[in-house]
Amino acid sequence: MRASTWNIPRFLQFFDETIDGGLVVPRGMLTTVTELAAQAGSKLDLADERAAGTTQAFTCSAVLTWPQQEAVQVLIGHDLGCWSRRPERARP
């Protein structure tokens, strides 16, 4: 027997519309939206209205390996990123 799909939207909506006809999209979708607009022959007028936030200071007592240090340096240069690693295989 299948689970009911009643009241579950058929399409996911990742954007919101403003009163004046603008779109609000998550940062992670910016590249996709830009590429789709270019394919359609459209031009985007972007306004980054994110809150600046406040600077925070954190300390870390872990000792990073050389590959981890390199990964941190790469991430620092980007506005959006995720640092992850593949899980280790179970050892007998």
PDB file of N, CA and C in Angstrom:
ATOM      1  N   MET A   1       0.847  -1.177   0.000  1.00  0.00           N
ATOM      2  CA  MET A   1       0.000   0.000   0.000  1.00  0.00           C
ATOM      3  C   MET A   1       0.897   1.247   0.000  1.00  0.00           C
ATOM      4  N   ARG A   2       0.581   2.194  -0.864  1.00  0.00           N
ATOM      5  CA  ARG A   2       1.389   3.408  -0.970  1.00  0.00           C
ATOM      6  C   ARG A   2       0.975   4.446   0.061  1.00  0.00           C
ATOM      7  N   ALA A   3       1.918   5.293   0.403  1.00  0.00           N
ATOM      8  CA  ALA A   3       1.616   6.397   1.312  1.00  0.00           C
ATOM      9  C   ALA A   3       0.837   7.472   0.549  1.00  0.00           C
ATOM     10  N   SER A   4      -0.040   8.128   1.231  1.00  0.00           N
ATOM     11  CA  SER A   4      -0.855   9.170   0.610  1.00  0.00           C
ATOM     12  C   SER A   4       0.005  10.372   0.245  1.00  0.00           C
ATOM     13  N   THR A   5      -0.282  10.969  -0.903  1.00  0.00           N
ATOM     14  CA  THR A   5       0.410  12.200  -1.328  1.00  0.00           C
ATOM     15  C   THR A   5      -0.548  13.382  -1.302  1.00  0.00           C
ATOM     16  N   TRP A   6      -1.658  13.231  -0.625  1.00  0.00           N
ATOM     17  CA  TRP A   6      -2.620  14.320  -0.519  1.00  0.00           C
ATOM     18  C   TRP A   6      -1.969  15.514   0.175  1.00  0.00           C
ATOM     19  N   ASN A   7      -2.222  16.674  -0.312  1.00  0.00           N
ATOM     20  CA  ASN A   7      -1.762  17.940   0.249  1.00  0.00           C
ATOM     21  C   ASN A   7      -0.232  18.107   0.180  1.00  0.00           C
ATOM     22  N   ILE A   8       0.424  17.330  -0.668  1.00  0.00           N
ATOM     23  CA  ILE A   8       1.859  17.492  -0.915  1.00  0.00           C
ATOM     24  C   ILE A   8       1.992  18.113  -2.296  1.00  0.00           C
ATOM     25  N   PRO A   9       2.675  19.261  -2.403  1.00  0.00           N
ATOM     26  CA  PRO A   9       2.754  19.921  -3.705  1.00  0.00           C
ATOM     27  C   PRO A   9       3.468  19.055  -4.741  1.00  0.00           C
ATOM     28  N   ARG A  10       3.007  19.150  -5.969  1.00  0.00           N
ATOM     29  CA  ARG A  10       3.608  18.371  -7.049  1.00  0.00           C
ATOM     30  C   ARG A  10       4.958  18.937  -7.444  1.00  0.00           C
ATOM     31  N   PHE A  11       5.097  20.247  -7.371  1.00  0.00           N
ATOM     32  CA  PHE A  11       6.344  20.917  -7.718  1.00  0.00           C
ATOM     33  C   PHE A  11       6.861  21.678  -6.506  1.00  0.00           C
ATOM     34  N   LEU A  12       8.165  21.628  -6.284  1.00  0.00           N
ATOM     35  CA  LEU A  12       8.770  22.371  -5.193  1.00  0.00           C
ATOM     36  C   LEU A  12       9.012  23.803  -5.642  1.00  0.00           C
ATOM     37  N   GLN A  13       8.741  24.738  -4.778  1.00  0.00           N
ATOM     38  CA  GLN A  13       8.937  26.150  -5.074  1.00  0.00           C
ATOM     39  C   GLN A  13      10.056  26.661  -4.184  1.00  0.00           C
ATOM     40  N   PHE A  14      11.149  27.099  -4.795  1.00  0.00           N
ATOM     41  CA  PHE A  14      12.302  27.546  -4.026  1.00  0.00           C
ATOM     42  C   PHE A  14      12.442  29.054  -4.010  1.00  0.00           C
ATOM     43  N   PHE A  15      11.434  29.767  -4.461  1.00  0.00           N
ATOM     44  CA  PHE A  15      11.531  31.212  -4.542  1.00  0.00           C
ATOM     45  C   PHE A  15      10.309  31.861  -3.917  1.00  0.00           C
ATOM     46  N   ASP A  16      10.396  33.168  -3.744  1.00  0.00           N
ATOM     47  CA  ASP A  16       9.268  33.953  -3.265  1.00  0.00           C
ATOM     48  C   ASP A  16       9.173  35.172  -4.168  1.00  0.00           C
ATOM     49  N   GLU A  17       8.001  35.732  -4.295  1.00  0.00           N
ATOM     50  CA  GLU A  17       7.807  36.904  -5.139  1.00  0.00           C
ATOM     51  C   GLU A  17       7.583  38.135  -4.271  1.00  0.00           C
ATOM     52  N   THR A  18       8.108  39.273  -4.740  1.00  0.00           N
ATOM     53  CA  THR A  18       7.896  40.533  -4.034  1.00  0.00           C
ATOM     54  C   THR A  18       6.687  41.237  -4.620  1.00  0.00           C
ATOM     55  N   ILE A  19       6.214  42.254  -3.941  1.00  0.00           N
ATOM     56  CA  ILE A  19       5.034  42.990  -4.399  1.00  0.00           C
ATOM     57  C   ILE A  19       5.264  43.624  -5.767  1.00  0.00           C
ATOM     58  N   ASP A  20       6.497  44.094  -6.008  1.00  0.00           N
ATOM     59  CA  ASP A  20       6.779  44.771  -7.283  1.00  0.00           C
ATOM     60  C   ASP A  20       7.226  43.807  -8.383  1.00  0.00           C
ATOM     61  N   GLY A  21       7.040  42.499  -8.200  1.00  0.00           N
ATOM     62  CA  GLY A  21       7.321  41.528  -9.253  1.00  0.00           C
ATOM     63  C   GLY A  21       8.705  40.925  -9.223  1.00  0.00           C
ATOM     64  N   GLY A  22       9.485  41.192  -8.194  1.00  0.00           N
ATOM     65  CA  GLY A  22      10.824  40.618  -8.088  1.00  0.00           C
ATOM     66  C   GLY A  22      10.788  39.213  -7.535  1.00  0.00           C
ATOM     67  N   LEU A  23      11.897  38.537  -7.659  1.00  0.00           N
ATOM     68  CA  LEU A  23      12.028  37.186  -7.116  1.00  0.00           C
ATOM     69  C   LEU A  23      13.051  37.182  -5.991  1.00  0.00           C
ATOM     70  N   VAL A  24      12.764  36.401  -4.972  1.00  0.00           N
ATOM     71  CA  VAL A  24      13.689  36.190  -3.867  1.00  0.00           C
ATOM     72  C   VAL A  24      14.091  34.726  -3.936  1.00  0.00           C
ATOM     73  N   VAL A  25      15.400  34.467  -4.120  1.00  0.00           N
ATOM     74  CA  VAL A  25      15.875  33.089  -4.243  1.00  0.00           C
ATOM     75  C   VAL A  25      16.966  32.825  -3.206  1.00  0.00           C
ATOM     76  N   PRO A  26      17.105  31.576  -2.769  1.00  0.00           N
ATOM     77  CA  PRO A  26      18.194  31.234  -1.852  1.00  0.00           C
ATOM     78  C   PRO A  26      19.547  31.408  -2.542  1.00  0.00           C
ATOM     79  N   ARG A  27      20.579  31.725  -1.777  1.00  0.00           N
ATOM     80  CA  ARG A  27      21.914  31.927  -2.346  1.00  0.00           C
ATOM     81  C   ARG A  27      22.377  30.731  -3.164  1.00  0.00           C
ATOM     82  N   GLY A  28      22.070  29.542  -2.709  1.00  0.00           N
ATOM     83  CA  GLY A  28      22.521  28.342  -3.404  1.00  0.00           C
ATOM     84  C   GLY A  28      21.908  28.159  -4.779  1.00  0.00           C
ATOM     85  N   MET A  29      20.854  28.884  -5.092  1.00  0.00           N
ATOM     86  CA  MET A  29      20.192  28.762  -6.387  1.00  0.00           C
ATOM     87  C   MET A  29      20.596  29.867  -7.358  1.00  0.00           C
ATOM     88  N   LEU A  30      21.450  30.793  -6.945  1.00  0.00           N
ATOM     89  CA  LEU A  30      21.789  31.935  -7.784  1.00  0.00           C
ATOM     90  C   LEU A  30      22.404  31.517  -9.109  1.00  0.00           C
ATOM     91  N   THR A  31      23.339  30.582  -9.094  1.00  0.00           N
ATOM     92  CA  THR A  31      23.973  30.141 -10.335  1.00  0.00           C
ATOM     93  C   THR A  31      22.959  29.512 -11.275  1.00  0.00           C
ATOM     94  N   THR A  32      22.095  28.669 -10.754  1.00  0.00           N
ATOM     95  CA  THR A  32      21.082  28.008 -11.576  1.00  0.00           C
ATOM     96  C   THR A  32      20.131  29.020 -12.193  1.00  0.00           C
ATOM     97  N   VAL A  33      19.665  29.972 -11.386  1.00  0.00           N
ATOM     98  CA  VAL A  33      18.733  30.989 -11.889  1.00  0.00           C
ATOM     99  C   VAL A  33      19.416  31.859 -12.943  1.00  0.00           C
ATOM    100  N   THR A  34      20.674  32.220 -12.709  1.00  0.00           N
ATOM    101  CA  THR A  34      21.417  33.037 -13.673  1.00  0.00           C
ATOM    102  C   THR A  34      21.570  32.302 -14.996  1.00  0.00           C
ATOM    103  N   GLU A  35      21.914  31.027 -14.946  1.00  0.00           N
ATOM    104  CA  GLU A  35      22.069  30.240 -16.170  1.00  0.00           C
ATOM    105  C   GLU A  35      20.746  30.081 -16.912  1.00  0.00           C
ATOM    106  N   LEU A  36      19.664  29.837 -16.181  1.00  0.00           N
ATOM    107  CA  LEU A  36      18.351  29.712 -16.821  1.00  0.00           C
ATOM    108  C   LEU A  36      17.935  31.016 -17.498  1.00  0.00           C
ATOM    109  N   ALA A  37      18.186  32.132 -16.837  1.00  0.00           N
ATOM    110  CA  ALA A  37      17.844  33.429 -17.424  1.00  0.00           C
ATOM    111  C   ALA A  37      18.661  33.675 -18.686  1.00  0.00           C
ATOM    112  N   ALA A  38      19.939  33.325 -18.669  1.00  0.00           N
ATOM    113  CA  ALA A  38      20.789  33.518 -19.849  1.00  0.00           C
ATOM    114  C   ALA A  38      20.314  32.643 -21.006  1.00  0.00           C
ATOM    115  N   GLN A  39      19.933  31.399 -20.713  1.00  0.00           N
ATOM    116  CA  GLN A  39      19.426  30.507 -21.756  1.00  0.00           C
ATOM    117  C   GLN A  39      18.147  31.043 -22.384  1.00  0.00           C
ATOM    118  N   ALA A  40      17.355  31.746 -21.579  1.00  0.00           N
ATOM    119  CA  ALA A  40      16.101  32.305 -22.075  1.00  0.00           C
ATOM    120  C   ALA A  40      16.305  33.666 -22.740  1.00  0.00           C
ATOM    121  N   GLY A  41      17.551  34.147 -22.732  1.00  0.00           N
ATOM    122  CA  GLY A  41      17.828  35.442 -23.348  1.00  0.00           C
ATOM    123  C   GLY A  41      17.462  36.617 -22.459  1.00  0.00           C
ATOM    124  N   SER A  42      17.336  36.382 -21.176  1.00  0.00           N
ATOM    125  CA  SER A  42      16.962  37.440 -20.238  1.00  0.00           C
ATOM    126  C   SER A  42      18.189  37.956 -19.501  1.00  0.00           C
ATOM    127  N   LYS A  43      18.045  39.116 -18.905  1.00  0.00           N
ATOM    128  CA  LYS A  43      19.109  39.715 -18.113  1.00  0.00           C
ATOM    129  C   LYS A  43      18.572  39.905 -16.697  1.00  0.00           C
ATOM    130  N   LEU A  44      19.402  39.600 -15.711  1.00  0.00           N
ATOM    131  CA  LEU A  44      18.991  39.740 -14.320  1.00  0.00           C
ATOM    132  C   LEU A  44      19.460  41.070 -13.748  1.00  0.00           C
ATOM    133  N   ASP A  45      18.624  41.654 -12.928  1.00  0.00           N
ATOM    134  CA  ASP A  45      18.985  42.844 -12.162  1.00  0.00           C
ATOM    135  C   ASP A  45      19.035  42.384 -10.708  1.00  0.00           C
ATOM    136  N   LEU A  46      20.256  42.158 -10.184  1.00  0.00           N
ATOM    137  CA  LEU A  46      20.409  41.565  -8.869  1.00  0.00           C
ATOM    138  C   LEU A  46      20.565  42.622  -7.786  1.00  0.00           C
ATOM    139  N   ALA A  47      19.944  42.366  -6.642  1.00  0.00           N
ATOM    140  CA  ALA A  47      20.093  43.207  -5.459  1.00  0.00           C
ATOM    141  C   ALA A  47      20.343  42.283  -4.277  1.00  0.00           C
ATOM    142  N   ASP A  48      21.547  42.312  -3.741  1.00  0.00           N
ATOM    143  CA  ASP A  48      21.897  41.486  -2.592  1.00  0.00           C
ATOM    144  C   ASP A  48      21.445  42.213  -1.333  1.00  0.00           C
ATOM    145  N   GLU A  49      20.376  41.721  -0.721  1.00  0.00           N
ATOM    146  CA  GLU A  49      19.803  42.381   0.447  1.00  0.00           C
ATOM    147  C   GLU A  49      19.962  41.547   1.708  1.00  0.00           C
ATOM    148  N   ARG A  50      21.016  40.735   1.738  1.00  0.00           N
ATOM    149  CA  ARG A  50      21.265  39.940   2.938  1.00  0.00           C
ATOM    150  C   ARG A  50      21.673  40.853   4.084  1.00  0.00           C
ATOM    151  N   ALA A  51      21.317  40.470   5.292  1.00  0.00           N
ATOM    152  CA  ALA A  51      21.746  41.206   6.478  1.00  0.00           C
ATOM    153  C   ALA A  51      23.240  40.964   6.675  1.00  0.00           C
ATOM    154  N   ALA A  52      23.967  42.012   6.987  1.00  0.00           N
ATOM    155  CA  ALA A  52      25.419  41.898   7.148  1.00  0.00           C
ATOM    156  C   ALA A  52      25.783  41.056   8.363  1.00  0.00           C
ATOM    157  N   GLY A  53      24.940  41.062   9.374  1.00  0.00           N
ATOM    158  CA  GLY A  53      25.235  40.300  10.577  1.00  0.00           C
ATOM    159  C   GLY A  53      26.322  40.964  11.395  1.00  0.00           C
ATOM    160  N   THR A  54      26.777  40.280  12.402  1.00  0.00           N
ATOM    161  CA  THR A  54      27.841  40.816  13.249  1.00  0.00           C
ATOM    162  C   THR A  54      29.000  39.830  13.247  1.00  0.00           C
ATOM    163  N   THR A  55      30.191  40.367  13.334  1.00  0.00           N
ATOM    164  CA  THR A  55      31.382  39.536  13.348  1.00  0.00           C
ATOM    165  C   THR A  55      31.432  38.715  14.633  1.00  0.00           C
ATOM    166  N   GLN A  56      31.779  37.450  14.492  1.00  0.00           N
ATOM    167  CA  GLN A  56      31.891  36.547  15.627  1.00  0.00           C
ATOM    168  C   GLN A  56      33.314  36.003  15.680  1.00  0.00           C
ATOM    169  N   ALA A  57      33.804  35.741  16.849  1.00  0.00           N
ATOM    170  CA  ALA A  57      35.123  35.151  17.017  1.00  0.00           C
ATOM    171  C   ALA A  57      34.965  33.763  17.621  1.00  0.00           C
ATOM    172  N   PHE A  58      35.554  32.776  16.970  1.00  0.00           N
ATOM    173  CA  PHE A  58      35.504  31.404  17.445  1.00  0.00           C
ATOM    174  C   PHE A  58      36.913  30.864  17.538  1.00  0.00           C
ATOM    175  N   THR A  59      37.113  29.974  18.459  1.00  0.00           N
ATOM    176  CA  THR A  59      38.410  29.314  18.558  1.00  0.00           C
ATOM    177  C   THR A  59      38.220  27.821  18.340  1.00  0.00           C
ATOM    178  N   CYS A  60      39.264  27.194  17.842  1.00  0.00           N
ATOM    179  CA  CYS A  60      39.231  25.760  17.578  1.00  0.00           C
ATOM    180  C   CYS A  60      40.520  25.156  18.110  1.00  0.00           C
ATOM    181  N   SER A  61      40.397  24.143  18.931  1.00  0.00           N
ATOM    182  CA  SER A  61      41.592  23.527  19.508  1.00  0.00           C
ATOM    183  C   SER A  61      42.054  22.312  18.707  1.00  0.00           C
ATOM    184  N   ALA A  62      41.349  21.989  17.634  1.00  0.00           N
ATOM    185  CA  ALA A  62      41.736  20.828  16.828  1.00  0.00           C
ATOM    186  C   ALA A  62      42.974  21.159  15.998  1.00  0.00           C
ATOM    187  N   VAL A  63      43.772  20.147  15.751  1.00  0.00           N
ATOM    188  CA  VAL A  63      44.938  20.294  14.885  1.00  0.00           C
ATOM    189  C   VAL A  63      44.544  19.746  13.511  1.00  0.00           C
ATOM    190  N   LEU A  64      44.574  20.607  12.507  1.00  0.00           N
ATOM    191  CA  LEU A  64      44.158  20.204  11.166  1.00  0.00           C
ATOM    192  C   LEU A  64      45.325  19.587  10.410  1.00  0.00           C
ATOM    193  N   THR A  65      45.005  18.573   9.612  1.00  0.00           N
ATOM    194  CA  THR A  65      46.012  17.989   8.735  1.00  0.00           C
ATOM    195  C   THR A  65      46.258  18.949   7.580  1.00  0.00           C
ATOM    196  N   TRP A  66      47.324  18.709   6.806  1.00  0.00           N
ATOM    197  CA  TRP A  66      47.631  19.584   5.681  1.00  0.00           C
ATOM    198  C   TRP A  66      46.468  19.665   4.680  1.00  0.00           C
ATOM    199  N   PRO A  67      45.857  18.538   4.270  1.00  0.00           N
ATOM    200  CA  PRO A  67      44.720  18.646   3.341  1.00  0.00           C
ATOM    201  C   PRO A  67      43.552  19.449   3.942  1.00  0.00           C
ATOM    202  N   GLN A  68      43.334  19.328   5.244  1.00  0.00           N
ATOM    203  CA  GLN A  68      42.268  20.099   5.885  1.00  0.00           C
ATOM    204  C   GLN A  68      42.605  21.582   5.877  1.00  0.00           C
ATOM    205  N   GLN A  69      43.868  21.931   6.129  1.00  0.00           N
ATOM    206  CA  GLN A  69      44.283  23.329   6.095  1.00  0.00           C
ATOM    207  C   GLN A  69      44.086  23.914   4.699  1.00  0.00           C
ATOM    208  N   GLU A  70      44.426  23.132   3.676  1.00  0.00           N
ATOM    209  CA  GLU A  70      44.214  23.587   2.294  1.00  0.00           C
ATOM    210  C   GLU A  70      42.736  23.804   2.016  1.00  0.00           C
ATOM    211  N   ALA A  71      41.892  22.894   2.494  1.00  0.00           N
ATOM    212  CA  ALA A  71      40.448  23.019   2.277  1.00  0.00           C
ATOM    213  C   ALA A  71      39.906  24.278   2.936  1.00  0.00           C
ATOM    214  N   VAL A  72      40.375  24.584   4.128  1.00  0.00           N
ATOM    215  CA  VAL A  72      39.937  25.801   4.826  1.00  0.00           C
ATOM    216  C   VAL A  72      40.332  27.032   4.022  1.00  0.00           C
ATOM    217  N   GLN A  73      41.540  27.059   3.484  1.00  0.00           N
ATOM    218  CA  GLN A  73      41.988  28.214   2.704  1.00  0.00           C
ATOM    219  C   GLN A  73      41.143  28.399   1.449  1.00  0.00           C
ATOM    220  N   VAL A  74      40.738  27.303   0.825  1.00  0.00           N
ATOM    221  CA  VAL A  74      39.869  27.391  -0.358  1.00  0.00           C
ATOM    222  C   VAL A  74      38.502  27.938   0.031  1.00  0.00           C
ATOM    223  N   LEU A  75      37.942  27.439   1.140  1.00  0.00           N
ATOM    224  CA  LEU A  75      36.612  27.875   1.572  1.00  0.00           C
ATOM    225  C   LEU A  75      36.589  29.347   1.975  1.00  0.00           C
ATOM    226  N   ILE A  76      37.658  29.830   2.568  1.00  0.00           N
ATOM    227  CA  ILE A  76      37.696  31.228   3.018  1.00  0.00           C
ATOM    228  C   ILE A  76      37.467  32.185   1.851  1.00  0.00           C
ATOM    229  N   GLY A  77      37.894  31.799   0.666  1.00  0.00           N
ATOM    230  CA  GLY A  77      37.756  32.655  -0.501  1.00  0.00           C
ATOM    231  C   GLY A  77      36.380  32.659  -1.142  1.00  0.00           C
ATOM    232  N   HIS A  78      35.436  31.933  -0.575  1.00  0.00           N
ATOM    233  CA  HIS A  78      34.092  31.836  -1.172  1.00  0.00           C
ATOM    234  C   HIS A  78      33.030  32.360  -0.220  1.00  0.00           C
ATOM    235  N   ASP A  79      31.971  32.863  -0.812  1.00  0.00           N
ATOM    236  CA  ASP A  79      30.852  33.380  -0.038  1.00  0.00           C
ATOM    237  C   ASP A  79      29.953  32.256   0.465  1.00  0.00           C
ATOM    238  N   LEU A  80      29.913  31.164  -0.260  1.00  0.00           N
ATOM    239  CA  LEU A  80      29.017  30.060   0.062  1.00  0.00           C
ATOM    240  C   LEU A  80      29.795  28.764  -0.081  1.00  0.00           C
ATOM    241  N   GLY A  81      29.753  27.922   0.921  1.00  0.00           N
ATOM    242  CA  GLY A  81      30.479  26.670   0.822  1.00  0.00           C
ATOM    243  C   GLY A  81      30.119  25.711   1.940  1.00  0.00           C
ATOM    244  N   CYS A  82      30.517  24.482   1.751  1.00  0.00           N
ATOM    245  CA  CYS A  82      30.262  23.445   2.736  1.00  0.00           C
ATOM    246  C   CYS A  82      31.485  22.536   2.790  1.00  0.00           C
ATOM    247  N   TRP A  83      31.986  22.313   3.969  1.00  0.00           N
ATOM    248  CA  TRP A  83      33.150  21.463   4.142  1.00  0.00           C
ATOM    249  C   TRP A  83      32.648  20.120   4.635  1.00  0.00           C
ATOM    250  N   SER A  84      32.874  19.095   3.857  1.00  0.00           N
ATOM    251  CA  SER A  84      32.434  17.759   4.265  1.00  0.00           C
ATOM    252  C   SER A  84      33.466  16.746   3.795  1.00  0.00           C
ATOM    253  N   ARG A  85      33.348  15.564   4.281  1.00  0.00           N
ATOM    254  CA  ARG A  85      34.224  14.489   3.844  1.00  0.00           C
ATOM    255  C   ARG A  85      33.420  13.220   3.763  1.00  0.00           C
ATOM    256  N   ARG A  86      33.897  12.322   2.965  1.00  0.00           N
ATOM    257  CA  ARG A  86      33.177  11.062   2.839  1.00  0.00           C
ATOM    258  C   ARG A  86      33.375  10.249   4.104  1.00  0.00           C
ATOM    259  N   PRO A  87      32.386   9.490   4.486  1.00  0.00           N
ATOM    260  CA  PRO A  87      32.518   8.673   5.691  1.00  0.00           C
ATOM    261  C   PRO A  87      33.576   7.589   5.506  1.00  0.00           C
ATOM    262  N   GLU A  88      34.232   7.258   6.575  1.00  0.00           N
ATOM    263  CA  GLU A  88      35.218   6.191   6.514  1.00  0.00           C
ATOM    264  C   GLU A  88      34.516   4.841   6.435  1.00  0.00           C
ATOM    265  N   ARG A  89      35.185   3.932   5.765  1.00  0.00           N
ATOM    266  CA  ARG A  89      34.625   2.582   5.681  1.00  0.00           C
ATOM    267  C   ARG A  89      34.742   1.902   7.044  1.00  0.00           C
ATOM    268  N   ALA A  90      33.794   1.037   7.314  1.00  0.00           N
ATOM    269  CA  ALA A  90      33.834   0.279   8.568  1.00  0.00           C
ATOM    270  C   ALA A  90      35.057  -0.626   8.555  1.00  0.00           C
ATOM    271  N   ARG A  91      35.745  -0.659   9.657  1.00  0.00           N
ATOM    272  CA  ARG A  91      36.927  -1.502   9.744  1.00  0.00           C
ATOM    273  C   ARG A  91      36.570  -2.792  10.494  1.00  0.00           C
ATOM    274  N   PRO A  92      37.109  -3.900  10.018  1.00  0.00           N
ATOM    275  CA  PRO A  92      36.794  -5.187  10.674  1.00  0.00           C
ATOM    276  C   PRO A  92      37.414  -5.296  12.045  1.00  0.00           C
TER     277      PRO A  92
END
